Amino acid sequence: MADERLPQPETADIELVRVLHALGDPVRLQLLAIYADGAEHTCDPRGLGLDQLHKSTVSHHMRVLREAGVTTTRTAGRNRFVRLRRDDLDARFPGLLDALLGSLGG
């Protein structure tokens, strides 16, 4: 089975209001800080330091980030891997991620 990307907006279609709404939640800001390392991450709540949340809650937060254009999700079989769309967001909104991550201490 080939790798596949879940639906996400094209770079030109990423909207600032949707990005800010997606990042207006403390859990999603925590995920942003994790994804800022540029690596792909699994969806396992334990690996993300979110053991206190149910897996479906973490999945919801990941979907909101993806649909806003903040992250991209690659599927490989039953596994999903999430990565920050840093280049796309920097192209659309220069300095936004740096400001947000700086405010988080990241």
PDB file of N, CA and C in Angstrom:
ATOM      1  N   MET A   1       0.850  -1.186   0.000  1.00  0.00           N
ATOM      2  CA  MET A   1       0.000   0.000   0.000  1.00  0.00           C
ATOM      3  C   MET A   1       0.893   1.246   0.000  1.00  0.00           C
ATOM      4  N   ALA A   2       0.632   2.166  -0.889  1.00  0.00           N
ATOM      5  CA  ALA A   2       1.448   3.372  -1.021  1.00  0.00           C
ATOM      6  C   ALA A   2       1.107   4.399   0.068  1.00  0.00           C
ATOM      7  N   ASP A   3       2.102   5.218   0.380  1.00  0.00           N
ATOM      8  CA  ASP A   3       1.862   6.318   1.304  1.00  0.00           C
ATOM      9  C   ASP A   3       0.869   7.281   0.670  1.00  0.00           C
ATOM     10  N   GLU A   4       0.108   7.938   1.510  1.00  0.00           N
ATOM     11  CA  GLU A   4      -0.924   8.836   1.033  1.00  0.00           C
ATOM     12  C   GLU A   4      -1.054  10.010   1.993  1.00  0.00           C
ATOM     13  N   ARG A   5      -1.356  11.190   1.473  1.00  0.00           N
ATOM     14  CA  ARG A   5      -1.577  12.374   2.307  1.00  0.00           C
ATOM     15  C   ARG A   5      -3.072  12.540   2.556  1.00  0.00           C
ATOM     16  N   LEU A   6      -3.423  12.882   3.772  1.00  0.00           N
ATOM     17  CA  LEU A   6      -4.817  13.194   4.067  1.00  0.00           C
ATOM     18  C   LEU A   6      -5.129  14.579   3.502  1.00  0.00           C
ATOM     19  N   PRO A   7      -6.405  14.877   3.239  1.00  0.00           N
ATOM     20  CA  PRO A   7      -6.771  16.174   2.648  1.00  0.00           C
ATOM     21  C   PRO A   7      -6.286  17.355   3.489  1.00  0.00           C
ATOM     22  N   GLN A   8      -5.762  18.343   2.778  1.00  0.00           N
ATOM     23  CA  GLN A   8      -5.268  19.561   3.420  1.00  0.00           C
ATOM     24  C   GLN A   8      -5.361  20.679   2.391  1.00  0.00           C
ATOM     25  N   PRO A   9      -5.416  21.930   2.838  1.00  0.00           N
ATOM     26  CA  PRO A   9      -5.476  23.023   1.862  1.00  0.00           C
ATOM     27  C   PRO A   9      -4.151  23.194   1.122  1.00  0.00           C
ATOM     28  N   GLU A  10      -4.243  23.639  -0.120  1.00  0.00           N
ATOM     29  CA  GLU A  10      -3.040  24.021  -0.864  1.00  0.00           C
ATOM     30  C   GLU A  10      -2.419  25.216  -0.154  1.00  0.00           C
ATOM     31  N   THR A  11      -1.142  25.432  -0.355  1.00  0.00           N
ATOM     32  CA  THR A  11      -0.448  26.538   0.314  1.00  0.00           C
ATOM     33  C   THR A  11      -1.169  27.863   0.109  1.00  0.00           C
ATOM     34  N   ALA A  12      -1.556  28.164  -1.120  1.00  0.00           N
ATOM     35  CA  ALA A  12      -2.211  29.444  -1.430  1.00  0.00           C
ATOM     36  C   ALA A  12      -3.580  29.584  -0.769  1.00  0.00           C
ATOM     37  N   ASP A  13      -4.168  28.460  -0.342  1.00  0.00           N
ATOM     38  CA  ASP A  13      -5.505  28.480   0.261  1.00  0.00           C
ATOM     39  C   ASP A  13      -5.484  28.483   1.784  1.00  0.00           C
ATOM     40  N   ILE A  14      -4.303  28.475   2.392  1.00  0.00           N
ATOM     41  CA  ILE A  14      -4.223  28.528   3.860  1.00  0.00           C
ATOM     42  C   ILE A  14      -4.651  29.922   4.309  1.00  0.00           C
ATOM     43  N   GLU A  15      -5.634  29.970   5.193  1.00  0.00           N
ATOM     44  CA  GLU A  15      -6.196  31.237   5.663  1.00  0.00           C
ATOM     45  C   GLU A  15      -5.706  31.549   7.079  1.00  0.00           C
ATOM     46  N   LEU A  16      -5.308  32.799   7.277  1.00  0.00           N
ATOM     47  CA  LEU A  16      -4.796  33.227   8.582  1.00  0.00           C
ATOM     48  C   LEU A  16      -5.816  33.001   9.686  1.00  0.00           C
ATOM     49  N   VAL A  17      -7.076  33.305   9.437  1.00  0.00           N
ATOM     50  CA  VAL A  17      -8.112  33.143  10.462  1.00  0.00           C
ATOM     51  C   VAL A  17      -8.215  31.684  10.901  1.00  0.00           C
ATOM     52  N   ARG A  18      -8.139  30.761   9.952  1.00  0.00           N
ATOM     53  CA  ARG A  18      -8.227  29.334  10.300  1.00  0.00           C
ATOM     54  C   ARG A  18      -6.992  28.877  11.075  1.00  0.00           C
ATOM     55  N   VAL A  19      -5.815  29.369  10.670  1.00  0.00           N
ATOM     56  CA  VAL A  19      -4.578  29.016  11.374  1.00  0.00           C
ATOM     57  C   VAL A  19      -4.642  29.520  12.816  1.00  0.00           C
ATOM     58  N   LEU A  20      -5.028  30.776  12.985  1.00  0.00           N
ATOM     59  CA  LEU A  20      -5.089  31.346  14.338  1.00  0.00           C
ATOM     60  C   LEU A  20      -6.151  30.650  15.182  1.00  0.00           C
ATOM     61  N   HIS A  21      -7.279  30.313  14.576  1.00  0.00           N
ATOM     62  CA  HIS A  21      -8.314  29.577  15.312  1.00  0.00           C
ATOM     63  C   HIS A  21      -7.783  28.213  15.750  1.00  0.00           C
ATOM     64  N   ALA A  22      -7.099  27.524  14.833  1.00  0.00           N
ATOM     65  CA  ALA A  22      -6.558  26.204  15.152  1.00  0.00           C
ATOM     66  C   ALA A  22      -5.545  26.289  16.289  1.00  0.00           C
ATOM     67  N   LEU A  23      -4.770  27.356  16.313  1.00  0.00           N
ATOM     68  CA  LEU A  23      -3.724  27.491  17.331  1.00  0.00           C
ATOM     69  C   LEU A  23      -4.220  28.204  18.585  1.00  0.00           C
ATOM     70  N   GLY A  24      -5.506  28.479  18.641  1.00  0.00           N
ATOM     71  CA  GLY A  24      -6.083  29.147  19.803  1.00  0.00           C
ATOM     72  C   GLY A  24      -6.436  28.194  20.935  1.00  0.00           C
ATOM     73  N   ASP A  25      -5.986  26.988  20.867  1.00  0.00           N
ATOM     74  CA  ASP A  25      -6.251  25.979  21.889  1.00  0.00           C
ATOM     75  C   ASP A  25      -4.927  25.554  22.512  1.00  0.00           C
ATOM     76  N   PRO A  26      -4.853  25.456  23.836  1.00  0.00           N
ATOM     77  CA  PRO A  26      -3.590  25.109  24.493  1.00  0.00           C
ATOM     78  C   PRO A  26      -2.990  23.767  24.048  1.00  0.00           C
ATOM     79  N   VAL A  27      -3.828  22.768  23.807  1.00  0.00           N
ATOM     80  CA  VAL A  27      -3.314  21.464  23.375  1.00  0.00           C
ATOM     81  C   VAL A  27      -2.703  21.587  21.984  1.00  0.00           C
ATOM     82  N   ARG A  28      -3.356  22.327  21.102  1.00  0.00           N
ATOM     83  CA  ARG A  28      -2.825  22.471  19.751  1.00  0.00           C
ATOM     84  C   ARG A  28      -1.559  23.326  19.743  1.00  0.00           C
ATOM     85  N   LEU A  29      -1.456  24.284  20.651  1.00  0.00           N
ATOM     86  CA  LEU A  29      -0.195  25.032  20.788  1.00  0.00           C
ATOM     87  C   LEU A  29       0.911  24.110  21.276  1.00  0.00           C
ATOM     88  N   GLN A  30       0.578  23.206  22.180  1.00  0.00           N
ATOM     89  CA  GLN A  30       1.553  22.217  22.655  1.00  0.00           C
ATOM     90  C   GLN A  30       2.004  21.330  21.495  1.00  0.00           C
ATOM     91  N   LEU A  31       1.066  20.927  20.648  1.00  0.00           N
ATOM     92  CA  LEU A  31       1.417  20.126  19.478  1.00  0.00           C
ATOM     93  C   LEU A  31       2.304  20.931  18.524  1.00  0.00           C
ATOM     94  N   LEU A  32       2.007  22.210  18.337  1.00  0.00           N
ATOM     95  CA  LEU A  32       2.840  23.068  17.489  1.00  0.00           C
ATOM     96  C   LEU A  32       4.278  23.063  17.987  1.00  0.00           C
ATOM     97  N   ALA A  33       4.457  23.210  19.295  1.00  0.00           N
ATOM     98  CA  ALA A  33       5.802  23.220  19.872  1.00  0.00           C
ATOM     99  C   ALA A  33       6.517  21.889  19.620  1.00  0.00           C
ATOM    100  N   ILE A  34       5.789  20.792  19.685  1.00  0.00           N
ATOM    101  CA  ILE A  34       6.372  19.470  19.429  1.00  0.00           C
ATOM    102  C   ILE A  34       6.751  19.344  17.960  1.00  0.00           C
ATOM    103  N   TYR A  35       5.837  19.738  17.079  1.00  0.00           N
ATOM    104  CA  TYR A  35       6.064  19.602  15.637  1.00  0.00           C
ATOM    105  C   TYR A  35       7.120  20.575  15.115  1.00  0.00           C
ATOM    106  N   ALA A  36       7.470  21.584  15.884  1.00  0.00           N
ATOM    107  CA  ALA A  36       8.432  22.594  15.440  1.00  0.00           C
ATOM    108  C   ALA A  36       9.825  22.023  15.211  1.00  0.00           C
ATOM    109  N   ASP A  37      10.072  20.803  15.677  1.00  0.00           N
ATOM    110  CA  ASP A  37      11.392  20.200  15.459  1.00  0.00           C
ATOM    111  C   ASP A  37      11.595  19.765  14.007  1.00  0.00           C
ATOM    112  N   GLY A  38      10.535  19.835  13.194  1.00  0.00           N
ATOM    113  CA  GLY A  38      10.645  19.508  11.781  1.00  0.00           C
ATOM    114  C   GLY A  38      10.549  18.034  11.458  1.00  0.00           C
ATOM    115  N   ALA A  39      10.480  17.187  12.473  1.00  0.00           N
ATOM    116  CA  ALA A  39      10.407  15.741  12.255  1.00  0.00           C
ATOM    117  C   ALA A  39       8.960  15.298  12.058  1.00  0.00           C
ATOM    118  N   GLU A  40       8.809  14.080  11.551  1.00  0.00           N
ATOM    119  CA  GLU A  40       7.492  13.462  11.491  1.00  0.00           C
ATOM    120  C   GLU A  40       7.220  12.824  12.851  1.00  0.00           C
ATOM    121  N   HIS A  41       5.976  12.920  13.288  1.00  0.00           N
ATOM    122  CA  HIS A  41       5.584  12.350  14.575  1.00  0.00           C
ATOM    123  C   HIS A  41       4.401  11.416  14.386  1.00  0.00           C
ATOM    124  N   THR A  42       4.388  10.341  15.155  1.00  0.00           N
ATOM    125  CA  THR A  42       3.236   9.445  15.129  1.00  0.00           C
ATOM    126  C   THR A  42       2.092  10.122  15.871  1.00  0.00           C
ATOM    127  N   CYS A  43       0.940   9.487  15.810  1.00  0.00           N
ATOM    128  CA  CYS A  43      -0.249  10.038  16.464  1.00  0.00           C
ATOM    129  C   CYS A  43      -0.456   9.471  17.871  1.00  0.00           C
ATOM    130  N   ASP A  44       0.518   8.751  18.386  1.00  0.00           N
ATOM    131  CA  ASP A  44       0.415   8.142  19.706  1.00  0.00           C
ATOM    132  C   ASP A  44       0.447   9.229  20.785  1.00  0.00           C
ATOM    133  N   PRO A  45      -0.632   9.380  21.559  1.00  0.00           N
ATOM    134  CA  PRO A  45      -0.667  10.414  22.596  1.00  0.00           C
ATOM    135  C   PRO A  45       0.503  10.332  23.586  1.00  0.00           C
ATOM    136  N   ARG A  46       0.941   9.110  23.904  1.00  0.00           N
ATOM    137  CA  ARG A  46       2.049   8.962  24.852  1.00  0.00           C
ATOM    138  C   ARG A  46       3.340   9.546  24.290  1.00  0.00           C
ATOM    139  N   GLY A  47       3.594   9.310  23.018  1.00  0.00           N
ATOM    140  CA  GLY A  47       4.798   9.826  22.387  1.00  0.00           C
ATOM    141  C   GLY A  47       4.793  11.335  22.245  1.00  0.00           C
ATOM    142  N   LEU A  48       3.600  11.929  22.352  1.00  0.00           N
ATOM    143  CA  LEU A  48       3.464  13.382  22.238  1.00  0.00           C
ATOM    144  C   LEU A  48       3.358  14.058  23.602  1.00  0.00           C
ATOM    145  N   GLY A  49       3.447  13.274  24.662  1.00  0.00           N
ATOM    146  CA  GLY A  49       3.316  13.836  26.010  1.00  0.00           C
ATOM    147  C   GLY A  49       1.885  14.205  26.356  1.00  0.00           C
ATOM    148  N   LEU A  50       0.936  13.558  25.708  1.00  0.00           N
ATOM    149  CA  LEU A  50      -0.483  13.858  25.929  1.00  0.00           C
ATOM    150  C   LEU A  50      -1.219  12.647  26.491  1.00  0.00           C
ATOM    151  N   ASP A  51      -0.545  11.892  27.352  1.00  0.00           N
ATOM    152  CA  ASP A  51      -1.125  10.662  27.911  1.00  0.00           C
ATOM    153  C   ASP A  51      -2.457  10.908  28.619  1.00  0.00           C
ATOM    154  N   GLN A  52      -2.665  12.143  29.115  1.00  0.00           N
ATOM    155  CA  GLN A  52      -3.869  12.458  29.878  1.00  0.00           C
ATOM    156  C   GLN A  52      -5.094  12.574  28.976  1.00  0.00           C
ATOM    157  N   LEU A  53      -4.883  12.652  27.654  1.00  0.00           N
ATOM    158  CA  LEU A  53      -5.993  12.815  26.718  1.00  0.00           C
ATOM    159  C   LEU A  53      -6.337  11.496  26.037  1.00  0.00           C
ATOM    160  N   HIS A  54      -7.605  11.321  25.756  1.00  0.00           N
ATOM    161  CA  HIS A  54      -8.059  10.146  25.024  1.00  0.00           C
ATOM    162  C   HIS A  54      -7.557  10.246  23.588  1.00  0.00           C
ATOM    163  N   LYS A  55      -7.291   9.093  22.983  1.00  0.00           N
ATOM    164  CA  LYS A  55      -6.764   9.059  21.619  1.00  0.00           C
ATOM    165  C   LYS A  55      -7.666   9.810  20.632  1.00  0.00           C
ATOM    166  N   SER A  56      -8.988   9.710  20.806  1.00  0.00           N
ATOM    167  CA  SER A  56      -9.908  10.399  19.891  1.00  0.00           C
ATOM    168  C   SER A  56      -9.813  11.919  20.048  1.00  0.00           C
ATOM    169  N   THR A  57      -9.517  12.392  21.246  1.00  0.00           N
ATOM    170  CA  THR A  57      -9.347  13.836  21.472  1.00  0.00           C
ATOM    171  C   THR A  57      -8.091  14.328  20.770  1.00  0.00           C
ATOM    172  N   VAL A  58      -7.013  13.571  20.882  1.00  0.00           N
ATOM    173  CA  VAL A  58      -5.768  13.934  20.204  1.00  0.00           C
ATOM    174  C   VAL A  58      -5.986  13.925  18.692  1.00  0.00           C
ATOM    175  N   SER A  59      -6.703  12.926  18.184  1.00  0.00           N
ATOM    176  CA  SER A  59      -7.002  12.850  16.755  1.00  0.00           C
ATOM    177  C   SER A  59      -7.793  14.076  16.297  1.00  0.00           C
ATOM    178  N   HIS A  60      -8.737  14.519  17.113  1.00  0.00           N
ATOM    179  CA  HIS A  60      -9.517  15.718  16.790  1.00  0.00           C
ATOM    180  C   HIS A  60      -8.597  16.932  16.655  1.00  0.00           C
ATOM    181  N   HIS A  61      -7.696  17.117  17.617  1.00  0.00           N
ATOM    182  CA  HIS A  61      -6.778  18.260  17.573  1.00  0.00           C
ATOM    183  C   HIS A  61      -5.890  18.190  16.328  1.00  0.00           C
ATOM    184  N   MET A  62      -5.442  17.002  15.985  1.00  0.00           N
ATOM    185  CA  MET A  62      -4.605  16.836  14.791  1.00  0.00           C
ATOM    186  C   MET A  62      -5.384  17.152  13.519  1.00  0.00           C
ATOM    187  N   ARG A  63      -6.648  16.763  13.479  1.00  0.00           N
ATOM    188  CA  ARG A  63      -7.485  17.060  12.311  1.00  0.00           C
ATOM    189  C   ARG A  63      -7.684  18.564  12.155  1.00  0.00           C
ATOM    190  N   VAL A  64      -7.934  19.261  13.248  1.00  0.00           N
ATOM    191  CA  VAL A  64      -8.113  20.717  13.187  1.00  0.00           C
ATOM    192  C   VAL A  64      -6.851  21.378  12.634  1.00  0.00           C
ATOM    193  N   LEU A  65      -5.689  20.953  13.118  1.00  0.00           N
ATOM    194  CA  LEU A  65      -4.423  21.519  12.634  1.00  0.00           C
ATOM    195  C   LEU A  65      -4.222  21.226  11.145  1.00  0.00           C
ATOM    196  N   ARG A  66      -4.511  20.009  10.731  1.00  0.00           N
ATOM    197  CA  ARG A  66      -4.338  19.637   9.322  1.00  0.00           C
ATOM    198  C   ARG A  66      -5.287  20.408   8.423  1.00  0.00           C
ATOM    199  N   GLU A  67      -6.560  20.486   8.799  1.00  0.00           N
ATOM    200  CA  GLU A  67      -7.546  21.164   7.970  1.00  0.00           C
ATOM    201  C   GLU A  67      -7.299  22.668   7.878  1.00  0.00           C
ATOM    202  N   ALA A  68      -6.616  23.224   8.872  1.00  0.00           N
ATOM    203  CA  ALA A  68      -6.259  24.653   8.836  1.00  0.00           C
ATOM    204  C   ALA A  68      -5.004  24.892   8.002  1.00  0.00           C
ATOM    205  N   GLY A  69      -4.284  23.828   7.688  1.00  0.00           N
ATOM    206  CA  GLY A  69      -3.061  23.961   6.905  1.00  0.00           C
ATOM    207  C   GLY A  69      -1.802  24.072   7.738  1.00  0.00           C
ATOM    208  N   VAL A  70      -1.908  23.831   9.034  1.00  0.00           N
ATOM    209  CA  VAL A  70      -0.750  23.936   9.933  1.00  0.00           C
ATOM    210  C   VAL A  70       0.150  22.702   9.808  1.00  0.00           C
ATOM    211  N   THR A  71      -0.458  21.539   9.626  1.00  0.00           N
ATOM    212  CA  THR A  71       0.297  20.290   9.540  1.00  0.00           C
ATOM    213  C   THR A  71      -0.104  19.517   8.288  1.00  0.00           C
ATOM    214  N   THR A  72       0.691  18.532   7.975  1.00  0.00           N
ATOM    215  CA  THR A  72       0.371  17.573   6.928  1.00  0.00           C
ATOM    216  C   THR A  72       0.438  16.192   7.564  1.00  0.00           C
ATOM    217  N   THR A  73      -0.442  15.304   7.108  1.00  0.00           N
ATOM    218  CA  THR A  73      -0.486  13.953   7.660  1.00  0.00           C
ATOM    219  C   THR A  73      -0.308  12.942   6.538  1.00  0.00           C
ATOM    220  N   ARG A  74       0.673  12.081   6.725  1.00  0.00           N
ATOM    221  CA  ARG A  74       0.966  11.010   5.779  1.00  0.00           C
ATOM    222  C   ARG A  74       0.496   9.704   6.390  1.00  0.00           C
ATOM    223  N   THR A  75      -0.216   8.914   5.602  1.00  0.00           N
ATOM    224  CA  THR A  75      -0.635   7.595   6.067  1.00  0.00           C
ATOM    225  C   THR A  75       0.236   6.537   5.403  1.00  0.00           C
ATOM    226  N   ALA A  76       0.574   5.541   6.170  1.00  0.00           N
ATOM    227  CA  ALA A  76       1.324   4.391   5.675  1.00  0.00           C
ATOM    228  C   ALA A  76       0.685   3.164   6.317  1.00  0.00           C
ATOM    229  N   GLY A  77      -0.176   2.506   5.568  1.00  0.00           N
ATOM    230  CA  GLY A  77      -0.940   1.403   6.142  1.00  0.00           C
ATOM    231  C   GLY A  77      -1.899   1.947   7.188  1.00  0.00           C
ATOM    232  N   ARG A  78      -1.822   1.410   8.384  1.00  0.00           N
ATOM    233  CA  ARG A  78      -2.685   1.890   9.473  1.00  0.00           C
ATOM    234  C   ARG A  78      -2.038   3.004  10.288  1.00  0.00           C
ATOM    235  N   ASN A  79      -0.817   3.362   9.953  1.00  0.00           N
ATOM    236  CA  ASN A  79      -0.086   4.384  10.702  1.00  0.00           C
ATOM    237  C   ASN A  79      -0.239   5.747  10.054  1.00  0.00           C
ATOM    238  N   ARG A  80      -0.201   6.774  10.903  1.00  0.00           N
ATOM    239  CA  ARG A  80      -0.254   8.154  10.434  1.00  0.00           C
ATOM    240  C   ARG A  80       0.922   8.914  11.019  1.00  0.00           C
ATOM    241  N   PHE A  81       1.491   9.768  10.185  1.00  0.00           N
ATOM    242  CA  PHE A  81       2.655  10.546  10.574  1.00  0.00           C
ATOM    243  C   PHE A  81       2.391  12.018  10.273  1.00  0.00           C
ATOM    244  N   VAL A  82       2.603  12.859  11.276  1.00  0.00           N
ATOM    245  CA  VAL A  82       2.268  14.283  11.179  1.00  0.00           C
ATOM    246  C   VAL A  82       3.549  15.105  11.178  1.00  0.00           C
ATOM    247  N   ARG A  83       3.543  16.159  10.350  1.00  0.00           N
ATOM    248  CA  ARG A  83       4.685  17.075  10.254  1.00  0.00           C
ATOM    249  C   ARG A  83       4.142  18.500  10.107  1.00  0.00           C
ATOM    250  N   LEU A  84       4.832  19.449  10.699  1.00  0.00           N
ATOM    251  CA  LEU A  84       4.495  20.866  10.573  1.00  0.00           C
ATOM    252  C   LEU A  84       4.763  21.324   9.140  1.00  0.00           C
ATOM    253  N   ARG A  85       3.864  22.113   8.590  1.00  0.00           N
ATOM    254  CA  ARG A  85       4.038  22.674   7.241  1.00  0.00           C
ATOM    255  C   ARG A  85       4.784  24.014   7.359  1.00  0.00           C
ATOM    256  N   ARG A  86       5.962  23.947   7.905  1.00  0.00           N
ATOM    257  CA  ARG A  86       6.741  25.159   8.209  1.00  0.00           C
ATOM    258  C   ARG A  86       6.983  26.025   6.971  1.00  0.00           C
ATOM    259  N   ASP A  87       7.473  25.434   5.894  1.00  0.00           N
ATOM    260  CA  ASP A  87       7.774  26.212   4.691  1.00  0.00           C
ATOM    261  C   ASP A  87       6.520  26.871   4.129  1.00  0.00           C
ATOM    262  N   ASP A  88       5.412  26.137   4.105  1.00  0.00           N
ATOM    263  CA  ASP A  88       4.162  26.690   3.578  1.00  0.00           C
ATOM    264  C   ASP A  88       3.660  27.836   4.444  1.00  0.00           C
ATOM    265  N   LEU A  89       3.706  27.660   5.758  1.00  0.00           N
ATOM    266  CA  LEU A  89       3.231  28.714   6.655  1.00  0.00           C
ATOM    267  C   LEU A  89       4.144  29.930   6.627  1.00  0.00           C
ATOM    268  N   ASP A  90       5.455  29.705   6.546  1.00  0.00           N
ATOM    269  CA  ASP A  90       6.390  30.829   6.451  1.00  0.00           C
ATOM    270  C   ASP A  90       6.189  31.599   5.145  1.00  0.00           C
ATOM    271  N   ALA A  91       5.858  30.885   4.070  1.00  0.00           N
ATOM    272  CA  ALA A  91       5.612  31.548   2.791  1.00  0.00           C
ATOM    273  C   ALA A  91       4.337  32.389   2.841  1.00  0.00           C
ATOM    274  N   ARG A  92       3.302  31.882   3.478  1.00  0.00           N
ATOM    275  CA  ARG A  92       2.019  32.588   3.556  1.00  0.00           C
ATOM    276  C   ARG A  92       2.039  33.705   4.592  1.00  0.00           C
ATOM    277  N   PHE A  93       2.641  33.441   5.744  1.00  0.00           N
ATOM    278  CA  PHE A  93       2.588  34.387   6.870  1.00  0.00           C
ATOM    279  C   PHE A  93       3.975  34.513   7.495  1.00  0.00           C
ATOM    280  N   PRO A  94       4.886  35.231   6.824  1.00  0.00           N
ATOM    281  CA  PRO A  94       6.269  35.344   7.317  1.00  0.00           C
ATOM    282  C   PRO A  94       6.325  35.835   8.767  1.00  0.00           C
ATOM    283  N   GLY A  95       7.086  35.110   9.582  1.00  0.00           N
ATOM    284  CA  GLY A  95       7.297  35.503  10.973  1.00  0.00           C
ATOM    285  C   GLY A  95       6.255  34.988  11.949  1.00  0.00           C
ATOM    286  N   LEU A  96       5.129  34.492  11.462  1.00  0.00           N
ATOM    287  CA  LEU A  96       4.059  34.041  12.367  1.00  0.00           C
ATOM    288  C   LEU A  96       4.517  32.900  13.260  1.00  0.00           C
ATOM    289  N   LEU A  97       5.069  31.853  12.665  1.00  0.00           N
ATOM    290  CA  LEU A  97       5.504  30.710  13.475  1.00  0.00           C
ATOM    291  C   LEU A  97       6.613  31.097  14.439  1.00  0.00           C
ATOM    292  N   ASP A  98       7.556  31.904  13.983  1.00  0.00           N
ATOM    293  CA  ASP A  98       8.632  32.343  14.878  1.00  0.00           C
ATOM    294  C   ASP A  98       8.061  33.093  16.080  1.00  0.00           C
ATOM    295  N   ALA A  99       7.084  33.966  15.841  1.00  0.00           N
ATOM    296  CA  ALA A  99       6.473  34.720  16.934  1.00  0.00           C
ATOM    297  C   ALA A  99       5.746  33.793  17.902  1.00  0.00           C
ATOM    298  N   LEU A 100       4.966  32.863  17.348  1.00  0.00           N
ATOM    299  CA  LEU A 100       4.225  31.936  18.199  1.00  0.00           C
ATOM    300  C   LEU A 100       5.157  31.047  19.000  1.00  0.00           C
ATOM    301  N   LEU A 101       6.131  30.474  18.329  1.00  0.00           N
ATOM    302  CA  LEU A 101       7.063  29.573  19.020  1.00  0.00           C
ATOM    303  C   LEU A 101       7.907  30.342  20.034  1.00  0.00           C
ATOM    304  N   GLY A 102       8.287  31.567  19.708  1.00  0.00           N
ATOM    305  CA  GLY A 102       9.030  32.403  20.658  1.00  0.00           C
ATOM    306  C   GLY A 102       8.235  32.678  21.920  1.00  0.00           C
ATOM    307  N   SER A 103       6.925  32.861  21.756  1.00  0.00           N
ATOM    308  CA  SER A 103       6.072  33.128  22.917  1.00  0.00           C
ATOM    309  C   SER A 103       5.912  31.888  23.783  1.00  0.00           C
ATOM    310  N   LEU A 104       6.153  30.714  23.186  1.00  0.00           N
ATOM    311  CA  LEU A 104       6.056  29.459  23.933  1.00  0.00           C
ATOM    312  C   LEU A 104       7.391  29.062  24.546  1.00  0.00           C
ATOM    313  N   GLY A 105       8.408  29.832  24.214  1.00  0.00           N
ATOM    314  CA  GLY A 105       9.742  29.495  24.705  1.00  0.00           C
ATOM    315  C   GLY A 105      10.414  28.455  23.824  1.00  0.00           C
ATOM    316  N   GLY A 106       9.868  28.242  22.567  1.00  0.00           N
ATOM    317  CA  GLY A 106      10.421  27.208  21.702  1.00  0.00           C
ATOM    318  C   GLY A 106      11.260  27.716  20.591  1.00  0.00           C
TER     319      GLY A 106
END
